[in-house]
Amino acid sequence: MEIRNKTHRPLRVPLPGGKKLHLSPGGTGRVPPKADQHPPLAKLIEDGEIEVVDEGPSKAQGGGSGDRGISGSQGGAPTRGLRRTGDR
């Protein structure tokens, strides 16, 4: 399930299990499917500070790869002083 911060300030969204999701103003994040039943998160949704953008992937949609996710520092030229390991 994907949620969006509708406020103009950063939010710390409480999740089940004592975890927190940090959302920037207008930012989106993914939470477990049943997290919307967690009382503190449900209150933020009810107050309008957070909106549910996507209920999760439907089985009708394929598992296509989108541009979502966290971009790592992979690719590009290696930096100096970085020791490369593995097969070359």
PDB file of N, CA and C in Angstrom:
ATOM      1  N   MET A   1       0.851  -1.166   0.000  1.00  0.00           N
ATOM      2  CA  MET A   1       0.000   0.000   0.000  1.00  0.00           C
ATOM      3  C   MET A   1       0.898   1.231   0.000  1.00  0.00           C
ATOM      4  N   GLU A   2       0.561   2.214  -0.788  1.00  0.00           N
ATOM      5  CA  GLU A   2       1.351   3.431  -0.878  1.00  0.00           C
ATOM      6  C   GLU A   2       0.561   4.596  -0.276  1.00  0.00           C
ATOM      7  N   ILE A   3       1.262   5.413   0.527  1.00  0.00           N
ATOM      8  CA  ILE A   3       0.635   6.573   1.161  1.00  0.00           C
ATOM      9  C   ILE A   3       1.393   7.836   0.787  1.00  0.00           C
ATOM     10  N   ARG A   4       0.719   8.987   0.861  1.00  0.00           N
ATOM     11  CA  ARG A   4       1.326  10.276   0.525  1.00  0.00           C
ATOM     12  C   ARG A   4       1.092  11.271   1.665  1.00  0.00           C
ATOM     13  N   ASN A   5       2.140  12.022   1.991  1.00  0.00           N
ATOM     14  CA  ASN A   5       2.061  13.093   2.973  1.00  0.00           C
ATOM     15  C   ASN A   5       1.423  14.297   2.300  1.00  0.00           C
ATOM     16  N   LYS A   6       0.266  14.727   2.761  1.00  0.00           N
ATOM     17  CA  LYS A   6      -0.442  15.854   2.165  1.00  0.00           C
ATOM     18  C   LYS A   6      -0.115  17.180   2.839  1.00  0.00           C
ATOM     19  N   THR A   7       0.703  17.160   3.884  1.00  0.00           N
ATOM     20  CA  THR A   7       1.029  18.382   4.603  1.00  0.00           C
ATOM     21  C   THR A   7       2.265  19.052   4.008  1.00  0.00           C
ATOM     22  N   HIS A   8       2.577  20.230   4.496  1.00  0.00           N
ATOM     23  CA  HIS A   8       3.756  20.977   4.058  1.00  0.00           C
ATOM     24  C   HIS A   8       4.886  20.847   5.075  1.00  0.00           C
ATOM     25  N   ARG A   9       4.852  19.786   5.860  1.00  0.00           N
ATOM     26  CA  ARG A   9       5.901  19.531   6.848  1.00  0.00           C
ATOM     27  C   ARG A   9       6.228  18.046   6.842  1.00  0.00           C
ATOM     28  N   PRO A  10       7.454  17.693   7.245  1.00  0.00           N
ATOM     29  CA  PRO A  10       7.798  16.272   7.304  1.00  0.00           C
ATOM     30  C   PRO A  10       7.003  15.553   8.383  1.00  0.00           C
ATOM     31  N   LEU A  11       6.684  14.301   8.144  1.00  0.00           N
ATOM     32  CA  LEU A  11       5.919  13.504   9.111  1.00  0.00           C
ATOM     33  C   LEU A  11       6.672  12.237   9.474  1.00  0.00           C
ATOM     34  N   ARG A  12       6.499  11.820  10.720  1.00  0.00           N
ATOM     35  CA  ARG A  12       6.937  10.502  11.170  1.00  0.00           C
ATOM     36  C   ARG A  12       5.683   9.674  11.356  1.00  0.00           C
ATOM     37  N   VAL A  13       5.491   8.720  10.485  1.00  0.00           N
ATOM     38  CA  VAL A  13       4.277   7.913  10.491  1.00  0.00           C
ATOM     39  C   VAL A  13       4.517   6.655  11.321  1.00  0.00           C
ATOM     40  N   PRO A  14       3.759   6.479  12.423  1.00  0.00           N
ATOM     41  CA  PRO A  14       3.931   5.273  13.245  1.00  0.00           C
ATOM     42  C   PRO A  14       3.340   4.052  12.543  1.00  0.00           C
ATOM     43  N   LEU A  15       4.122   2.985  12.532  1.00  0.00           N
ATOM     44  CA  LEU A  15       3.695   1.733  11.907  1.00  0.00           C
ATOM     45  C   LEU A  15       3.629   0.632  12.953  1.00  0.00           C
ATOM     46  N   PRO A  16       2.936  -0.457  12.648  1.00  0.00           N
ATOM     47  CA  PRO A  16       2.893  -1.585  13.590  1.00  0.00           C
ATOM     48  C   PRO A  16       4.295  -2.111  13.866  1.00  0.00           C
ATOM     49  N   GLY A  17       4.499  -2.622  15.051  1.00  0.00           N
ATOM     50  CA  GLY A  17       5.793  -3.182  15.429  1.00  0.00           C
ATOM     51  C   GLY A  17       6.763  -2.134  15.933  1.00  0.00           C
ATOM     52  N   GLY A  18       6.278  -0.924  16.228  1.00  0.00           N
ATOM     53  CA  GLY A  18       7.141   0.126  16.754  1.00  0.00           C
ATOM     54  C   GLY A  18       8.001   0.808  15.708  1.00  0.00           C
ATOM     55  N   LYS A  19       7.766   0.556  14.434  1.00  0.00           N
ATOM     56  CA  LYS A  19       8.548   1.175  13.374  1.00  0.00           C
ATOM     57  C   LYS A  19       7.931   2.501  12.970  1.00  0.00           C
ATOM     58  N   LYS A  20       8.742   3.337  12.310  1.00  0.00           N
ATOM     59  CA  LYS A  20       8.263   4.632  11.831  1.00  0.00           C
ATOM     60  C   LYS A  20       8.697   4.823  10.387  1.00  0.00           C
ATOM     61  N   LEU A  21       7.840   5.482   9.622  1.00  0.00           N
ATOM     62  CA  LEU A  21       8.143   5.841   8.243  1.00  0.00           C
ATOM     63  C   LEU A  21       8.268   7.354   8.201  1.00  0.00           C
ATOM     64  N   HIS A  22       9.396   7.853   7.728  1.00  0.00           N
ATOM     65  CA  HIS A  22       9.618   9.290   7.630  1.00  0.00           C
ATOM     66  C   HIS A  22       9.233   9.734   6.225  1.00  0.00           C
ATOM     67  N   LEU A  23       8.285  10.677   6.144  1.00  0.00           N
ATOM     68  CA  LEU A  23       7.819  11.173   4.857  1.00  0.00           C
ATOM     69  C   LEU A  23       8.109  12.664   4.745  1.00  0.00           C
ATOM     70  N   SER A  24       8.706  13.056   3.635  1.00  0.00           N
ATOM     71  CA  SER A  24       8.949  14.470   3.380  1.00  0.00           C
ATOM     72  C   SER A  24       7.632  15.121   2.951  1.00  0.00           C
ATOM     73  N   PRO A  25       7.563  16.456   2.944  1.00  0.00           N
ATOM     74  CA  PRO A  25       6.330  17.120   2.506  1.00  0.00           C
ATOM     75  C   PRO A  25       5.969  16.712   1.073  1.00  0.00           C
ATOM     76  N   GLY A  26       4.791  16.174   0.897  1.00  0.00           N
ATOM     77  CA  GLY A  26       4.348  15.723  -0.409  1.00  0.00           C
ATOM     78  C   GLY A  26       4.944  14.395  -0.832  1.00  0.00           C
ATOM     79  N   GLY A  27       5.754  13.788   0.023  1.00  0.00           N
ATOM     80  CA  GLY A  27       6.428  12.535  -0.312  1.00  0.00           C
ATOM     81  C   GLY A  27       5.521  11.333  -0.171  1.00  0.00           C
ATOM     82  N   THR A  28       5.914  10.244  -0.820  1.00  0.00           N
ATOM     83  CA  THR A  28       5.155   9.006  -0.739  1.00  0.00           C
ATOM     84  C   THR A  28       6.023   7.905  -0.149  1.00  0.00           C
ATOM     85  N   GLY A  29       5.373   6.896   0.364  1.00  0.00           N
ATOM     86  CA  GLY A  29       6.074   5.757   0.934  1.00  0.00           C
ATOM     87  C   GLY A  29       5.181   4.538   0.922  1.00  0.00           C
ATOM     88  N   ARG A  30       5.799   3.376   1.026  1.00  0.00           N
ATOM     89  CA  ARG A  30       5.057   2.123   1.029  1.00  0.00           C
ATOM     90  C   ARG A  30       4.979   1.576   2.447  1.00  0.00           C
ATOM     91  N   VAL A  31       3.793   1.084   2.804  1.00  0.00           N
ATOM     92  CA  VAL A  31       3.566   0.482   4.113  1.00  0.00           C
ATOM     93  C   VAL A  31       2.922  -0.886   3.892  1.00  0.00           C
ATOM     94  N   PRO A  32       2.992  -1.764   4.891  1.00  0.00           N
ATOM     95  CA  PRO A  32       2.351  -3.081   4.752  1.00  0.00           C
ATOM     96  C   PRO A  32       0.850  -2.940   4.493  1.00  0.00           C
ATOM     97  N   PRO A  33       0.246  -3.907   3.805  1.00  0.00           N
ATOM     98  CA  PRO A  33      -1.170  -3.809   3.429  1.00  0.00           C
ATOM     99  C   PRO A  33      -2.127  -3.602   4.596  1.00  0.00           C
ATOM    100  N   LYS A  34      -1.868  -4.202   5.736  1.00  0.00           N
ATOM    101  CA  LYS A  34      -2.794  -4.084   6.874  1.00  0.00           C
ATOM    102  C   LYS A  34      -2.441  -2.923   7.798  1.00  0.00           C
ATOM    103  N   ALA A  35      -1.462  -2.104   7.442  1.00  0.00           N
ATOM    104  CA  ALA A  35      -1.017  -1.018   8.316  1.00  0.00           C
ATOM    105  C   ALA A  35      -2.079   0.060   8.502  1.00  0.00           C
ATOM    106  N   ASP A  36      -3.009   0.195   7.552  1.00  0.00           N
ATOM    107  CA  ASP A  36      -4.031   1.234   7.694  1.00  0.00           C
ATOM    108  C   ASP A  36      -4.993   0.943   8.840  1.00  0.00           C
ATOM    109  N   GLN A  37      -4.950  -0.266   9.389  1.00  0.00           N
ATOM    110  CA  GLN A  37      -5.780  -0.593  10.543  1.00  0.00           C
ATOM    111  C   GLN A  37      -5.083  -0.262  11.859  1.00  0.00           C
ATOM    112  N   HIS A  38      -3.802   0.121  11.794  1.00  0.00           N
ATOM    113  CA  HIS A  38      -3.042   0.518  12.982  1.00  0.00           C
ATOM    114  C   HIS A  38      -3.607   1.863  13.458  1.00  0.00           C
ATOM    115  N   PRO A  39      -4.083   1.964  14.721  1.00  0.00           N
ATOM    116  CA  PRO A  39      -4.795   3.169  15.175  1.00  0.00           C
ATOM    117  C   PRO A  39      -4.073   4.506  14.938  1.00  0.00           C
ATOM    118  N   PRO A  40      -2.769   4.649  15.234  1.00  0.00           N
ATOM    119  CA  PRO A  40      -2.142   5.957  14.974  1.00  0.00           C
ATOM    120  C   PRO A  40      -2.113   6.322  13.486  1.00  0.00           C
ATOM    121  N   LEU A  41      -1.892   5.347  12.617  1.00  0.00           N
ATOM    122  CA  LEU A  41      -1.885   5.617  11.180  1.00  0.00           C
ATOM    123  C   LEU A  41      -3.304   5.911  10.693  1.00  0.00           C
ATOM    124  N   ALA A  42      -4.278   5.174  11.206  1.00  0.00           N
ATOM    125  CA  ALA A  42      -5.673   5.407  10.826  1.00  0.00           C
ATOM    126  C   ALA A  42      -6.106   6.820  11.195  1.00  0.00           C
ATOM    127  N   LYS A  43      -5.609   7.338  12.326  1.00  0.00           N
ATOM    128  CA  LYS A  43      -5.954   8.697  12.748  1.00  0.00           C
ATOM    129  C   LYS A  43      -5.365   9.729  11.784  1.00  0.00           C
ATOM    130  N   LEU A  44      -4.128   9.511  11.325  1.00  0.00           N
ATOM    131  CA  LEU A  44      -3.515  10.440  10.359  1.00  0.00           C
ATOM    132  C   LEU A  44      -4.278  10.435   9.035  1.00  0.00           C
ATOM    133  N   ILE A  45      -4.760   9.268   8.626  1.00  0.00           N
ATOM    134  CA  ILE A  45      -5.555   9.171   7.395  1.00  0.00           C
ATOM    135  C   ILE A  45      -6.888   9.883   7.586  1.00  0.00           C
ATOM    136  N   GLU A  46      -7.505   9.652   8.741  1.00  0.00           N
ATOM    137  CA  GLU A  46      -8.805  10.275   9.048  1.00  0.00           C
ATOM    138  C   GLU A  46      -8.692  11.799   9.127  1.00  0.00           C
ATOM    139  N   ASP A  47      -7.572  12.297   9.700  1.00  0.00           N
ATOM    140  CA  ASP A  47      -7.366  13.739   9.824  1.00  0.00           C
ATOM    141  C   ASP A  47      -6.998  14.404   8.502  1.00  0.00           C
ATOM    142  N   GLY A  48      -6.712  13.606   7.479  1.00  0.00           N
ATOM    143  CA  GLY A  48      -6.389  14.156   6.169  1.00  0.00           C
ATOM    144  C   GLY A  48      -4.930  14.531   5.991  1.00  0.00           C
ATOM    145  N   GLU A  49      -4.076  14.161   6.937  1.00  0.00           N
ATOM    146  CA  GLU A  49      -2.662  14.471   6.805  1.00  0.00           C
ATOM    147  C   GLU A  49      -1.983  13.504   5.840  1.00  0.00           C
ATOM    148  N   ILE A  50      -2.542  12.306   5.713  1.00  0.00           N
ATOM    149  CA  ILE A  50      -2.009  11.278   4.827  1.00  0.00           C
ATOM    150  C   ILE A  50      -3.152  10.767   3.967  1.00  0.00           C
ATOM    151  N   GLU A  51      -2.853  10.508   2.694  1.00  0.00           N
ATOM    152  CA  GLU A  51      -3.849   9.878   1.837  1.00  0.00           C
ATOM    153  C   GLU A  51      -3.294   8.566   1.310  1.00  0.00           C
ATOM    154  N   VAL A  52      -4.183   7.604   1.108  1.00  0.00           N
ATOM    155  CA  VAL A  52      -3.797   6.320   0.542  1.00  0.00           C
ATOM    156  C   VAL A  52      -3.826   6.488  -0.971  1.00  0.00           C
ATOM    157  N   VAL A  53      -2.651   6.340  -1.597  1.00  0.00           N
ATOM    158  CA  VAL A  53      -2.524   6.541  -3.034  1.00  0.00           C
ATOM    159  C   VAL A  53      -2.819   5.255  -3.785  1.00  0.00           C
ATOM    160  N   ASP A  54      -2.284   4.145  -3.284  1.00  0.00           N
ATOM    161  CA  ASP A  54      -2.405   2.869  -3.978  1.00  0.00           C
ATOM    162  C   ASP A  54      -2.663   1.794  -2.938  1.00  0.00           C
ATOM    163  N   GLU A  55      -3.688   1.007  -3.171  1.00  0.00           N
ATOM    164  CA  GLU A  55      -4.035  -0.064  -2.232  1.00  0.00           C
ATOM    165  C   GLU A  55      -3.122  -1.263  -2.365  1.00  0.00           C
ATOM    166  N   GLY A  56      -2.234  -1.253  -3.329  1.00  0.00           N
ATOM    167  CA  GLY A  56      -1.337  -2.379  -3.536  1.00  0.00           C
ATOM    168  C   GLY A  56      -1.469  -2.893  -4.948  1.00  0.00           C
ATOM    169  N   PRO A  57      -0.547  -3.726  -5.379  1.00  0.00           N
ATOM    170  CA  PRO A  57      -0.610  -4.241  -6.748  1.00  0.00           C
ATOM    171  C   PRO A  57      -1.773  -5.195  -6.925  1.00  0.00           C
ATOM    172  N   SER A  58      -2.499  -5.008  -8.011  1.00  0.00           N
ATOM    173  CA  SER A  58      -3.594  -5.940  -8.275  1.00  0.00           C
ATOM    174  C   SER A  58      -3.045  -7.102  -9.076  1.00  0.00           C
ATOM    175  N   LYS A  59      -3.723  -8.227  -9.016  1.00  0.00           N
ATOM    176  CA  LYS A  59      -3.241  -9.418  -9.719  1.00  0.00           C
ATOM    177  C   LYS A  59      -3.438  -9.279 -11.216  1.00  0.00           C
ATOM    178  N   ALA A  60      -4.291  -8.360 -11.657  1.00  0.00           N
ATOM    179  CA  ALA A  60      -4.515  -8.162 -13.084  1.00  0.00           C
ATOM    180  C   ALA A  60      -3.325  -7.466 -13.725  1.00  0.00           C
ATOM    181  N   GLN A  61      -2.618  -6.649 -12.959  1.00  0.00           N
ATOM    182  CA  GLN A  61      -1.466  -5.945 -13.494  1.00  0.00           C
ATOM    183  C   GLN A  61      -0.260  -6.858 -13.470  1.00  0.00           C
ATOM    184  N   GLY A  62       0.586  -6.677 -14.452  1.00  0.00           N
ATOM    185  CA  GLY A  62       1.802  -7.468 -14.511  1.00  0.00           C
ATOM    186  C   GLY A  62       2.817  -6.955 -13.516  1.00  0.00           C
ATOM    187  N   GLY A  63       3.872  -7.681 -13.357  1.00  0.00           N
ATOM    188  CA  GLY A  63       4.941  -7.279 -12.453  1.00  0.00           C
ATOM    189  C   GLY A  63       5.963  -6.427 -13.171  1.00  0.00           C
ATOM    190  N   GLY A  64       5.506  -5.473 -13.943  1.00  0.00           N
ATOM    191  CA  GLY A  64       6.403  -4.628 -14.714  1.00  0.00           C
ATOM    192  C   GLY A  64       7.322  -3.825 -13.816  1.00  0.00           C
ATOM    193  N   SER A  65       8.460  -3.486 -14.364  1.00  0.00           N
ATOM    194  CA  SER A  65       9.409  -2.720 -13.564  1.00  0.00           C
ATOM    195  C   SER A  65       9.202  -1.250 -13.853  1.00  0.00           C
ATOM    196  N   GLY A  66       8.917  -0.498 -12.826  1.00  0.00           N
ATOM    197  CA  GLY A  66       8.747   0.935 -12.953  1.00  0.00           C
ATOM    198  C   GLY A  66       9.979   1.655 -12.451  1.00  0.00           C
ATOM    199  N   ASP A  67       9.902   2.951 -12.370  1.00  0.00           N
ATOM    200  CA  ASP A  67      11.031   3.738 -11.878  1.00  0.00           C
ATOM    201  C   ASP A  67      10.902   3.987 -10.391  1.00  0.00           C
ATOM    202  N   ARG A  68      10.190   3.154  -9.684  1.00  0.00           N
ATOM    203  CA  ARG A  68      10.010   3.337  -8.248  1.00  0.00           C
ATOM    204  C   ARG A  68      11.131   2.666  -7.500  1.00  0.00           C
ATOM    205  N   GLY A  69      11.254   3.025  -6.245  1.00  0.00           N
ATOM    206  CA  GLY A  69      12.262   2.398  -5.412  1.00  0.00           C
ATOM    207  C   GLY A  69      13.379   3.361  -5.101  1.00  0.00           C
ATOM    208  N   ILE A  70      14.294   2.895  -4.333  1.00  0.00           N
ATOM    209  CA  ILE A  70      15.408   3.720  -3.902  1.00  0.00           C
ATOM    210  C   ILE A  70      16.567   3.505  -4.860  1.00  0.00           C
ATOM    211  N   SER A  71      17.097   4.583  -5.351  1.00  0.00           N
ATOM    212  CA  SER A  71      18.211   4.493  -6.273  1.00  0.00           C
ATOM    213  C   SER A  71      19.506   4.350  -5.488  1.00  0.00           C
ATOM    214  N   GLY A  72      20.275   3.374  -5.820  1.00  0.00           N
ATOM    215  CA  GLY A  72      21.545   3.160  -5.139  1.00  0.00           C
ATOM    216  C   GLY A  72      22.659   3.883  -5.865  1.00  0.00           C
ATOM    217  N   SER A  73      23.872   3.683  -5.417  1.00  0.00           N
ATOM    218  CA  SER A  73      25.014   4.331  -6.040  1.00  0.00           C
ATOM    219  C   SER A  73      25.712   3.354  -6.969  1.00  0.00           C
ATOM    220  N   GLN A  74      24.927   2.591  -7.703  1.00  0.00           N
ATOM    221  CA  GLN A  74      25.496   1.611  -8.607  1.00  0.00           C
ATOM    222  C   GLN A  74      25.698   2.244  -9.969  1.00  0.00           C
ATOM    223  N   GLY A  75      26.669   1.747 -10.692  1.00  0.00           N
ATOM    224  CA  GLY A  75      26.928   2.249 -12.022  1.00  0.00           C
ATOM    225  C   GLY A  75      27.843   3.453 -11.988  1.00  0.00           C
ATOM    226  N   GLY A  76      28.263   3.872 -13.139  1.00  0.00           N
ATOM    227  CA  GLY A  76      29.151   5.015 -13.218  1.00  0.00           C
ATOM    228  C   GLY A  76      30.584   4.613 -12.952  1.00  0.00           C
ATOM    229  N   ALA A  77      31.458   5.580 -13.021  1.00  0.00           N
ATOM    230  CA  ALA A  77      32.874   5.313 -12.815  1.00  0.00           C
ATOM    231  C   ALA A  77      33.173   5.121 -11.329  1.00  0.00           C
ATOM    232  N   PRO A  78      34.043   4.156 -11.007  1.00  0.00           N
ATOM    233  CA  PRO A  78      34.390   3.962  -9.595  1.00  0.00           C
ATOM    234  C   PRO A  78      35.221   5.136  -9.085  1.00  0.00           C
ATOM    235  N   THR A  79      35.115   5.406  -7.807  1.00  0.00           N
ATOM    236  CA  THR A  79      35.869   6.510  -7.226  1.00  0.00           C
ATOM    237  C   THR A  79      37.279   6.055  -6.919  1.00  0.00           C
ATOM    238  N   ARG A  80      38.180   6.984  -6.830  1.00  0.00           N
ATOM    239  CA  ARG A  80      39.566   6.647  -6.520  1.00  0.00           C
ATOM    240  C   ARG A  80      39.655   6.092  -5.105  1.00  0.00           C
ATOM    241  N   GLY A  81      40.560   5.161  -4.930  1.00  0.00           N
ATOM    242  CA  GLY A  81      40.779   4.601  -3.610  1.00  0.00           C
ATOM    243  C   GLY A  81      39.823   3.487  -3.268  1.00  0.00           C
ATOM    244  N   LEU A  82      38.870   3.195  -4.148  1.00  0.00           N
ATOM    245  CA  LEU A  82      37.908   2.131  -3.901  1.00  0.00           C
ATOM    246  C   LEU A  82      38.483   0.832  -4.434  1.00  0.00           C
ATOM    247  N   ARG A  83      38.621  -0.129  -3.584  1.00  0.00           N
ATOM    248  CA  ARG A  83      39.191  -1.410  -3.994  1.00  0.00           C
ATOM    249  C   ARG A  83      38.079  -2.291  -4.542  1.00  0.00           C
ATOM    250  N   ARG A  84      38.239  -2.726  -5.761  1.00  0.00           N
ATOM    251  CA  ARG A  84      37.249  -3.575  -6.399  1.00  0.00           C
ATOM    252  C   ARG A  84      37.597  -5.037  -6.127  1.00  0.00           C
ATOM    253  N   THR A  85      36.567  -5.832  -5.873  1.00  0.00           N
ATOM    254  CA  THR A  85      36.788  -7.249  -5.614  1.00  0.00           C
ATOM    255  C   THR A  85      35.975  -8.066  -6.586  1.00  0.00           C
ATOM    256  N   GLY A  86      36.269  -9.356  -6.648  1.00  0.00           N
ATOM    257  CA  GLY A  86      35.487 -10.241  -7.508  1.00  0.00           C
ATOM    258  C   GLY A  86      36.194 -10.473  -8.838  1.00  0.00           C
ATOM    259  N   ASP A  87      35.496 -11.136  -9.750  1.00  0.00           N
ATOM    260  CA  ASP A  87      36.050 -11.428 -11.066  1.00  0.00           C
ATOM    261  C   ASP A  87      36.193 -10.148 -11.878  1.00  0.00           C
ATOM    262  N   ARG A  88      37.299 -10.034 -12.572  1.00  0.00           N
ATOM    263  CA  ARG A  88      37.504  -8.843 -13.407  1.00  0.00           C
ATOM    264  C   ARG A  88      37.867  -9.256 -14.792  1.00  0.00           C
TER     265      ARG A  88
END
